[in-house]
């Protein structure tokens, strides 16, 4: 139940920020749409510990800004590579270990790798991630384990 209430509060706050309309009718319609959405999510059984991970909110305040910064740095690196006349790419596929103890942690780690330009997680098999990297440097960046450690810290495992 607390997950459904939290989801409703987040959706309503997001709706209010995005709509910019604060008249009685518009707020009523917004509340109605949030109630229907939360009801559907509850019926689909997606408002649980894994589907709506409220427990990550506080630790996420340090992880998400770090990930955004990594995405920006990687975007710049990939742009330099693509715009270079020599196009210095050296594509690689490698396997790296995910240290997270649960599936949610491994999915967050795999998605964090994929969100970072120049790398794509192609598959997950237990604690092994198959990753494609655009260059040796981007592969080395994943293999250092910094992102893995930060995701473990986000999940409360560090």
N, C-alpha and C. Protein backbone atom coordinates (compact mmCIF):
# COMPACT_ATOMS: atom_id res chain seq x y z
N UNK A 1 0.82 -1.20 0.00
CA UNK A 1 0.00 0.00 0.00
C UNK A 1 0.87 1.27 0.00
N UNK A 2 1.97 1.25 0.77
CA UNK A 2 2.81 2.44 0.83
C UNK A 2 3.44 2.73 -0.53
N UNK A 3 3.67 1.68 -1.33
CA UNK A 3 4.22 1.89 -2.67
C UNK A 3 3.19 2.56 -3.57
N UNK A 4 1.92 2.18 -3.43
CA UNK A 4 0.86 2.79 -4.23
C UNK A 4 0.68 4.27 -3.85
N UNK A 5 0.72 4.57 -2.56
CA UNK A 5 0.59 5.96 -2.11
C UNK A 5 1.78 6.78 -2.61
N UNK A 6 2.96 6.22 -2.49
CA UNK A 6 4.16 6.92 -2.97
C UNK A 6 4.09 7.17 -4.47
N UNK A 7 3.69 6.15 -5.23
CA UNK A 7 3.55 6.30 -6.67
C UNK A 7 2.54 7.39 -7.00
N UNK A 8 1.41 7.40 -6.30
CA UNK A 8 0.39 8.43 -6.53
C UNK A 8 0.91 9.83 -6.25
N UNK A 9 1.64 9.98 -5.15
CA UNK A 9 2.20 11.29 -4.80
C UNK A 9 3.20 11.76 -5.86
N UNK A 10 4.05 10.84 -6.31
CA UNK A 10 5.04 11.20 -7.33
C UNK A 10 4.36 11.57 -8.64
N UNK A 11 3.39 10.76 -9.06
CA UNK A 11 2.67 11.05 -10.31
C UNK A 11 1.93 12.39 -10.23
N UNK A 12 1.28 12.65 -9.10
CA UNK A 12 0.54 13.91 -8.96
C UNK A 12 1.49 15.10 -8.97
N UNK A 13 2.61 15.00 -8.26
CA UNK A 13 3.59 16.09 -8.26
C UNK A 13 4.13 16.32 -9.67
N UNK A 14 4.44 15.24 -10.37
CA UNK A 14 4.94 15.35 -11.74
C UNK A 14 3.88 15.97 -12.65
N UNK A 15 2.63 15.54 -12.49
CA UNK A 15 1.55 16.09 -13.31
C UNK A 15 1.39 17.59 -13.05
N UNK A 16 1.42 17.99 -11.78
CA UNK A 16 1.27 19.41 -11.45
C UNK A 16 2.42 20.24 -12.02
N UNK A 17 3.64 19.71 -11.95
CA UNK A 17 4.79 20.44 -12.49
C UNK A 17 4.70 20.57 -14.01
N UNK A 18 4.29 19.51 -14.66
CA UNK A 18 4.29 19.51 -16.12
C UNK A 18 3.09 20.24 -16.73
N UNK A 19 1.94 20.21 -16.06
CA UNK A 19 0.75 20.81 -16.66
C UNK A 19 0.76 22.33 -16.59
N UNK A 20 1.12 22.88 -15.44
CA UNK A 20 1.11 24.33 -15.27
C UNK A 20 -0.29 24.91 -15.13
N UNK A 21 -1.31 24.06 -15.06
CA UNK A 21 -2.70 24.51 -14.90
C UNK A 21 -3.16 24.16 -13.49
N UNK A 22 -3.64 25.19 -12.76
CA UNK A 22 -4.00 24.96 -11.38
C UNK A 22 -5.45 25.32 -11.09
N UNK A 23 -6.29 25.28 -12.11
CA UNK A 23 -7.72 25.50 -11.92
C UNK A 23 -8.37 24.26 -11.32
N UNK A 24 -9.53 24.44 -10.73
CA UNK A 24 -10.23 23.34 -10.07
C UNK A 24 -10.49 22.14 -10.97
N UNK A 25 -10.99 22.41 -12.17
CA UNK A 25 -11.31 21.32 -13.10
C UNK A 25 -10.04 20.57 -13.51
N UNK A 26 -8.98 21.30 -13.83
CA UNK A 26 -7.75 20.65 -14.29
C UNK A 26 -7.11 19.81 -13.17
N UNK A 27 -7.13 20.33 -11.95
CA UNK A 27 -6.57 19.56 -10.84
C UNK A 27 -7.42 18.32 -10.58
N UNK A 28 -8.74 18.46 -10.68
CA UNK A 28 -9.63 17.30 -10.51
C UNK A 28 -9.35 16.24 -11.56
N UNK A 29 -9.17 16.65 -12.81
CA UNK A 29 -8.86 15.70 -13.88
C UNK A 29 -7.49 15.06 -13.65
N UNK A 30 -6.54 15.84 -13.17
CA UNK A 30 -5.21 15.29 -12.86
C UNK A 30 -5.28 14.26 -11.75
N UNK A 31 -6.02 14.57 -10.68
CA UNK A 31 -6.17 13.62 -9.58
C UNK A 31 -6.86 12.35 -10.07
N UNK A 32 -7.90 12.51 -10.90
CA UNK A 32 -8.61 11.35 -11.44
C UNK A 32 -7.68 10.48 -12.28
N UNK A 33 -6.87 11.10 -13.11
CA UNK A 33 -5.95 10.31 -13.95
C UNK A 33 -4.90 9.60 -13.10
N UNK A 34 -4.43 10.25 -12.05
CA UNK A 34 -3.46 9.61 -11.15
C UNK A 34 -4.10 8.43 -10.43
N UNK A 35 -5.32 8.61 -9.96
CA UNK A 35 -6.01 7.51 -9.26
C UNK A 35 -6.19 6.31 -10.19
N UNK A 36 -6.62 6.56 -11.42
CA UNK A 36 -6.79 5.46 -12.39
C UNK A 36 -5.45 4.79 -12.69
N UNK A 37 -4.41 5.58 -12.87
CA UNK A 37 -3.08 5.03 -13.17
C UNK A 37 -2.57 4.18 -12.02
N UNK A 38 -2.70 4.66 -10.79
CA UNK A 38 -2.25 3.90 -9.62
C UNK A 38 -3.08 2.63 -9.47
N UNK A 39 -4.37 2.72 -9.71
CA UNK A 39 -5.25 1.54 -9.63
C UNK A 39 -4.82 0.48 -10.64
N UNK A 40 -4.55 0.91 -11.88
CA UNK A 40 -4.09 -0.03 -12.91
C UNK A 40 -2.75 -0.64 -12.52
N UNK A 41 -1.82 0.19 -12.04
CA UNK A 41 -0.51 -0.32 -11.62
C UNK A 41 -0.64 -1.32 -10.47
N UNK A 42 -1.56 -1.03 -9.55
CA UNK A 42 -1.79 -1.94 -8.42
C UNK A 42 -2.38 -3.26 -8.90
N UNK A 43 -3.33 -3.18 -9.84
CA UNK A 43 -3.94 -4.41 -10.40
C UNK A 43 -2.92 -5.24 -11.16
N UNK A 44 -1.96 -4.57 -11.80
CA UNK A 44 -0.91 -5.27 -12.55
C UNK A 44 0.20 -5.77 -11.62
N UNK A 45 0.08 -5.47 -10.33
CA UNK A 45 1.05 -5.87 -9.32
C UNK A 45 2.46 -5.35 -9.62
N UNK A 46 2.54 -4.10 -10.06
CA UNK A 46 3.84 -3.49 -10.32
C UNK A 46 4.24 -2.49 -9.24
N UNK A 47 3.39 -2.28 -8.25
CA UNK A 47 3.72 -1.35 -7.17
C UNK A 47 4.27 -2.13 -5.98
N UNK A 48 5.43 -2.72 -6.19
CA UNK A 48 6.08 -3.47 -5.13
C UNK A 48 7.49 -2.93 -4.90
N UNK A 49 8.24 -3.62 -4.09
CA UNK A 49 9.60 -3.20 -3.73
C UNK A 49 10.49 -3.07 -4.96
N UNK A 50 10.29 -3.95 -5.95
CA UNK A 50 11.14 -3.93 -7.14
C UNK A 50 10.58 -3.01 -8.22
N UNK A 51 9.28 -3.00 -8.40
CA UNK A 51 8.68 -2.18 -9.45
C UNK A 51 8.65 -0.70 -9.14
N UNK A 52 8.64 -0.36 -7.87
CA UNK A 52 8.64 1.04 -7.42
C UNK A 52 9.62 1.15 -6.25
N UNK A 53 10.91 1.19 -6.55
CA UNK A 53 11.94 1.12 -5.51
C UNK A 53 12.13 2.42 -4.73
N UNK A 54 11.19 2.70 -3.81
CA UNK A 54 11.27 3.92 -2.99
C UNK A 54 12.54 3.93 -2.13
N UNK A 55 13.01 2.74 -1.78
CA UNK A 55 14.16 2.63 -0.89
C UNK A 55 15.44 3.18 -1.52
N UNK A 56 15.42 3.43 -2.82
CA UNK A 56 16.61 3.95 -3.49
C UNK A 56 16.63 5.48 -3.57
N UNK A 57 15.58 6.12 -3.12
CA UNK A 57 15.44 7.57 -3.30
C UNK A 57 16.58 8.36 -2.66
N UNK A 58 16.91 8.09 -1.42
CA UNK A 58 17.93 8.87 -0.73
C UNK A 58 19.31 8.61 -1.32
N UNK A 59 19.67 7.32 -1.47
CA UNK A 59 20.99 7.01 -2.04
C UNK A 59 21.07 7.43 -3.51
N UNK A 60 19.93 7.49 -4.18
CA UNK A 60 19.92 7.91 -5.58
C UNK A 60 20.29 9.37 -5.77
N UNK A 61 20.19 10.16 -4.72
CA UNK A 61 20.53 11.58 -4.83
C UNK A 61 22.01 11.81 -5.12
N UNK A 62 22.85 10.84 -4.81
CA UNK A 62 24.27 10.95 -5.18
C UNK A 62 24.56 10.16 -6.45
N UNK A 63 23.84 9.05 -6.66
CA UNK A 63 24.10 8.21 -7.84
C UNK A 63 23.66 8.88 -9.13
N UNK A 64 22.45 9.42 -9.17
CA UNK A 64 21.91 9.96 -10.43
C UNK A 64 22.72 11.15 -10.95
N UNK A 65 23.10 12.11 -10.12
CA UNK A 65 23.95 13.18 -10.66
C UNK A 65 25.29 12.65 -11.20
N UNK A 66 25.86 11.67 -10.51
CA UNK A 66 27.11 11.07 -11.00
C UNK A 66 26.87 10.41 -12.35
N UNK A 67 25.78 9.66 -12.50
CA UNK A 67 25.48 8.99 -13.77
C UNK A 67 25.24 10.01 -14.88
N UNK A 68 24.51 11.08 -14.57
CA UNK A 68 24.29 12.14 -15.58
C UNK A 68 25.63 12.71 -16.05
N UNK A 69 26.54 12.94 -15.12
CA UNK A 69 27.85 13.49 -15.48
C UNK A 69 28.61 12.50 -16.36
N UNK A 70 28.55 11.22 -16.04
CA UNK A 70 29.20 10.20 -16.86
C UNK A 70 28.61 10.17 -18.27
N UNK A 71 27.30 10.34 -18.36
CA UNK A 71 26.64 10.35 -19.67
C UNK A 71 27.11 11.55 -20.48
N UNK A 72 27.21 12.70 -19.84
CA UNK A 72 27.69 13.91 -20.54
C UNK A 72 29.12 13.71 -21.03
N UNK A 73 30.00 13.22 -20.15
CA UNK A 73 31.40 12.99 -20.55
C UNK A 73 31.49 11.98 -21.70
N UNK A 74 30.70 10.92 -21.62
CA UNK A 74 30.72 9.91 -22.68
C UNK A 74 30.17 10.45 -23.99
N UNK A 75 29.15 11.29 -23.91
CA UNK A 75 28.62 11.93 -25.13
C UNK A 75 29.70 12.74 -25.83
N UNK A 76 30.46 13.49 -25.06
CA UNK A 76 31.54 14.30 -25.64
C UNK A 76 32.59 13.40 -26.27
N UNK A 77 32.97 12.33 -25.57
CA UNK A 77 33.97 11.40 -26.12
C UNK A 77 33.49 10.76 -27.41
N UNK A 78 32.24 10.30 -27.43
CA UNK A 78 31.71 9.66 -28.64
C UNK A 78 31.62 10.67 -29.78
N UNK A 79 31.21 11.89 -29.48
CA UNK A 79 31.15 12.93 -30.53
C UNK A 79 32.53 13.18 -31.11
N UNK A 80 33.56 13.25 -30.26
CA UNK A 80 34.93 13.44 -30.75
C UNK A 80 35.35 12.29 -31.67
N UNK A 81 35.02 11.08 -31.28
CA UNK A 81 35.39 9.91 -32.08
C UNK A 81 34.69 9.95 -33.44
N UNK A 82 33.40 10.23 -33.43
CA UNK A 82 32.62 10.21 -34.67
C UNK A 82 33.03 11.35 -35.59
N UNK A 83 33.32 12.51 -35.02
CA UNK A 83 33.68 13.67 -35.85
C UNK A 83 35.14 13.65 -36.29
N UNK A 84 35.93 12.77 -35.72
CA UNK A 84 37.34 12.67 -36.12
C UNK A 84 37.44 12.07 -37.53
N UNK A 85 38.25 12.66 -38.40
CA UNK A 85 38.40 12.11 -39.75
C UNK A 85 38.90 10.66 -39.76
N UNK A 86 39.71 10.30 -38.77
CA UNK A 86 40.24 8.94 -38.70
C UNK A 86 39.25 7.96 -38.09
N UNK A 87 38.23 8.47 -37.41
CA UNK A 87 37.24 7.67 -36.71
C UNK A 87 37.91 6.51 -35.94
N UNK A 88 38.61 6.86 -34.86
CA UNK A 88 39.41 5.87 -34.13
C UNK A 88 38.58 4.93 -33.25
N UNK A 89 37.80 4.07 -33.88
CA UNK A 89 37.02 3.11 -33.10
C UNK A 89 37.73 1.76 -33.08
N UNK A 90 37.49 1.04 -32.04
CA UNK A 90 38.00 -0.33 -31.91
C UNK A 90 36.95 -1.13 -31.14
N UNK A 91 35.85 -1.49 -31.83
CA UNK A 91 34.74 -2.15 -31.16
C UNK A 91 35.17 -3.44 -30.47
N UNK A 92 34.60 -3.66 -29.31
CA UNK A 92 34.92 -4.85 -28.53
C UNK A 92 33.67 -5.38 -27.86
N UNK A 93 33.62 -6.68 -27.71
CA UNK A 93 32.59 -7.32 -26.91
C UNK A 93 33.32 -8.07 -25.80
N UNK A 94 32.88 -7.86 -24.57
CA UNK A 94 33.54 -8.51 -23.44
C UNK A 94 32.50 -8.85 -22.38
N UNK A 95 32.90 -9.68 -21.45
CA UNK A 95 32.02 -10.07 -20.35
C UNK A 95 32.59 -9.47 -19.08
N UNK A 96 31.69 -8.89 -18.28
CA UNK A 96 32.10 -8.32 -17.00
C UNK A 96 31.17 -8.85 -15.92
N UNK A 97 31.66 -8.90 -14.70
CA UNK A 97 30.89 -9.44 -13.59
C UNK A 97 30.10 -8.32 -12.90
N UNK A 98 28.86 -8.63 -12.58
CA UNK A 98 28.02 -7.71 -11.81
C UNK A 98 28.05 -8.18 -10.35
N UNK A 99 28.40 -7.30 -9.46
CA UNK A 99 28.54 -7.66 -8.04
C UNK A 99 27.23 -7.55 -7.26
N UNK A 100 26.18 -7.06 -7.88
CA UNK A 100 24.92 -6.85 -7.18
C UNK A 100 24.30 -8.21 -6.82
N UNK A 101 23.67 -8.28 -5.64
CA UNK A 101 23.13 -9.55 -5.17
C UNK A 101 21.72 -9.84 -5.66
N UNK A 102 21.01 -8.84 -6.12
CA UNK A 102 19.64 -9.09 -6.59
C UNK A 102 19.46 -8.64 -8.04
N UNK A 103 18.36 -9.08 -8.61
CA UNK A 103 18.08 -8.81 -10.02
C UNK A 103 17.92 -7.32 -10.29
N UNK A 104 17.26 -6.60 -9.39
CA UNK A 104 17.07 -5.16 -9.58
C UNK A 104 18.42 -4.45 -9.68
N UNK A 105 19.36 -4.80 -8.82
CA UNK A 105 20.69 -4.19 -8.86
C UNK A 105 21.41 -4.46 -10.17
N UNK A 106 21.31 -5.71 -10.65
CA UNK A 106 21.96 -6.05 -11.93
C UNK A 106 21.32 -5.31 -13.09
N UNK A 107 20.00 -5.14 -13.05
CA UNK A 107 19.31 -4.40 -14.12
C UNK A 107 19.71 -2.92 -14.09
N UNK A 108 19.80 -2.34 -12.90
CA UNK A 108 20.24 -0.94 -12.79
C UNK A 108 21.66 -0.80 -13.34
N UNK A 109 22.52 -1.75 -13.02
CA UNK A 109 23.91 -1.72 -13.51
C UNK A 109 23.93 -1.85 -15.03
N UNK A 110 23.21 -2.82 -15.57
CA UNK A 110 23.18 -3.02 -17.02
C UNK A 110 22.62 -1.79 -17.74
N UNK A 111 21.56 -1.21 -17.20
CA UNK A 111 20.98 -0.02 -17.82
C UNK A 111 21.90 1.19 -17.70
N UNK A 112 22.64 1.29 -16.61
CA UNK A 112 23.59 2.39 -16.45
C UNK A 112 24.70 2.28 -17.49
N UNK A 113 25.15 1.07 -17.77
CA UNK A 113 26.15 0.86 -18.82
C UNK A 113 25.58 1.28 -20.17
N UNK A 114 24.35 0.85 -20.45
CA UNK A 114 23.73 1.15 -21.74
C UNK A 114 23.44 2.64 -21.90
N UNK A 115 23.07 3.32 -20.82
CA UNK A 115 22.79 4.75 -20.91
C UNK A 115 24.05 5.57 -21.20
N UNK A 116 25.20 5.02 -20.86
CA UNK A 116 26.46 5.72 -21.09
C UNK A 116 26.87 5.52 -22.55
N UNK A 117 26.89 6.57 -23.35
CA UNK A 117 27.23 6.43 -24.78
C UNK A 117 28.57 5.74 -24.99
N UNK A 118 28.59 4.89 -26.01
CA UNK A 118 29.81 4.15 -26.32
C UNK A 118 29.80 2.74 -25.77
N UNK A 119 28.81 2.42 -24.93
CA UNK A 119 28.70 1.07 -24.38
C UNK A 119 27.24 0.62 -24.42
N UNK A 120 27.05 -0.67 -24.64
CA UNK A 120 25.71 -1.26 -24.66
C UNK A 120 25.78 -2.62 -23.98
N UNK A 121 24.90 -2.86 -23.02
CA UNK A 121 24.80 -4.19 -22.43
C UNK A 121 23.95 -5.04 -23.36
N UNK A 122 24.54 -6.10 -23.88
CA UNK A 122 23.85 -6.95 -24.85
C UNK A 122 23.09 -8.09 -24.19
N UNK A 123 23.50 -8.48 -22.99
CA UNK A 123 22.82 -9.57 -22.32
C UNK A 123 23.28 -9.73 -20.89
N UNK A 124 22.40 -10.36 -20.09
CA UNK A 124 22.71 -10.64 -18.69
C UNK A 124 22.48 -12.13 -18.47
N UNK A 125 23.46 -12.80 -17.88
CA UNK A 125 23.33 -14.20 -17.53
C UNK A 125 23.82 -14.35 -16.09
N UNK A 126 22.89 -14.47 -15.17
CA UNK A 126 23.19 -14.48 -13.73
C UNK A 126 23.97 -13.22 -13.36
N UNK A 127 25.24 -13.36 -12.99
CA UNK A 127 26.02 -12.18 -12.61
C UNK A 127 27.00 -11.76 -13.70
N UNK A 128 26.82 -12.26 -14.91
CA UNK A 128 27.70 -11.92 -16.03
C UNK A 128 26.96 -11.01 -17.02
N UNK A 129 27.58 -9.91 -17.38
CA UNK A 129 27.01 -8.99 -18.37
C UNK A 129 27.87 -9.03 -19.62
N UNK A 130 27.23 -9.18 -20.77
CA UNK A 130 27.93 -9.11 -22.04
C UNK A 130 27.78 -7.69 -22.55
N UNK A 131 28.91 -7.02 -22.76
CA UNK A 131 28.92 -5.59 -23.08
C UNK A 131 29.64 -5.36 -24.40
N UNK A 132 29.07 -4.47 -25.22
CA UNK A 132 29.74 -4.01 -26.44
C UNK A 132 30.25 -2.60 -26.15
N UNK A 133 31.52 -2.36 -26.48
CA UNK A 133 32.12 -1.04 -26.29
C UNK A 133 32.65 -0.53 -27.62
N UNK A 134 32.52 0.77 -27.84
CA UNK A 134 32.95 1.40 -29.09
C UNK A 134 34.47 1.47 -29.20
N UNK A 135 35.14 1.66 -28.08
CA UNK A 135 36.61 1.77 -28.09
C UNK A 135 37.20 1.00 -26.92
N UNK A 136 38.52 0.85 -26.93
CA UNK A 136 39.21 0.19 -25.81
C UNK A 136 39.04 1.00 -24.53
N UNK A 137 39.07 2.33 -24.67
CA UNK A 137 38.93 3.18 -23.48
C UNK A 137 37.57 3.02 -22.82
N UNK A 138 36.50 2.96 -23.63
CA UNK A 138 35.17 2.79 -23.04
C UNK A 138 35.05 1.41 -22.40
N UNK A 139 35.68 0.40 -23.00
CA UNK A 139 35.68 -0.94 -22.40
C UNK A 139 36.42 -0.91 -21.07
N UNK A 140 37.56 -0.25 -21.05
CA UNK A 140 38.36 -0.15 -19.82
C UNK A 140 37.58 0.59 -18.73
N UNK A 141 36.79 1.58 -19.14
CA UNK A 141 35.99 2.33 -18.18
C UNK A 141 34.99 1.44 -17.46
N UNK A 142 34.40 0.49 -18.17
CA UNK A 142 33.46 -0.45 -17.54
C UNK A 142 34.23 -1.45 -16.68
N UNK A 143 35.35 -1.93 -17.20
CA UNK A 143 36.10 -2.98 -16.52
C UNK A 143 36.80 -2.51 -15.25
N UNK A 144 36.95 -1.20 -15.06
CA UNK A 144 37.55 -0.71 -13.80
C UNK A 144 36.67 -1.04 -12.61
N UNK A 145 35.37 -1.17 -12.83
CA UNK A 145 34.45 -1.53 -11.76
C UNK A 145 33.90 -0.36 -10.98
N UNK A 146 34.20 0.87 -11.38
CA UNK A 146 33.71 2.04 -10.66
C UNK A 146 32.18 2.10 -10.69
N UNK A 147 31.59 1.90 -11.87
CA UNK A 147 30.14 1.94 -11.98
C UNK A 147 29.52 0.80 -11.18
N UNK A 148 30.12 -0.37 -11.23
CA UNK A 148 29.64 -1.53 -10.47
C UNK A 148 29.61 -1.21 -8.98
N UNK A 149 30.68 -0.62 -8.47
CA UNK A 149 30.75 -0.25 -7.05
C UNK A 149 29.69 0.79 -6.70
N UNK A 150 29.50 1.75 -7.58
CA UNK A 150 28.51 2.80 -7.30
C UNK A 150 27.09 2.25 -7.30
N UNK A 151 26.81 1.30 -8.19
CA UNK A 151 25.48 0.68 -8.20
C UNK A 151 25.30 -0.16 -6.94
N UNK A 152 26.34 -0.86 -6.51
CA UNK A 152 26.26 -1.62 -5.24
C UNK A 152 25.96 -0.67 -4.08
N UNK A 153 26.61 0.48 -4.07
CA UNK A 153 26.37 1.48 -3.02
C UNK A 153 24.93 1.98 -3.10
N UNK A 154 24.44 2.23 -4.32
CA UNK A 154 23.05 2.66 -4.50
C UNK A 154 22.09 1.63 -3.94
N UNK A 155 22.38 0.36 -4.17
CA UNK A 155 21.50 -0.72 -3.73
C UNK A 155 21.68 -1.04 -2.24
N UNK A 156 22.63 -0.37 -1.58
CA UNK A 156 22.85 -0.59 -0.15
C UNK A 156 23.69 -1.82 0.14
N UNK A 157 24.52 -2.22 -0.82
CA UNK A 157 25.33 -3.43 -0.67
C UNK A 157 26.79 -3.13 -0.40
N UNK A 158 27.16 -1.86 -0.37
CA UNK A 158 28.58 -1.53 -0.19
C UNK A 158 28.91 -1.28 1.26
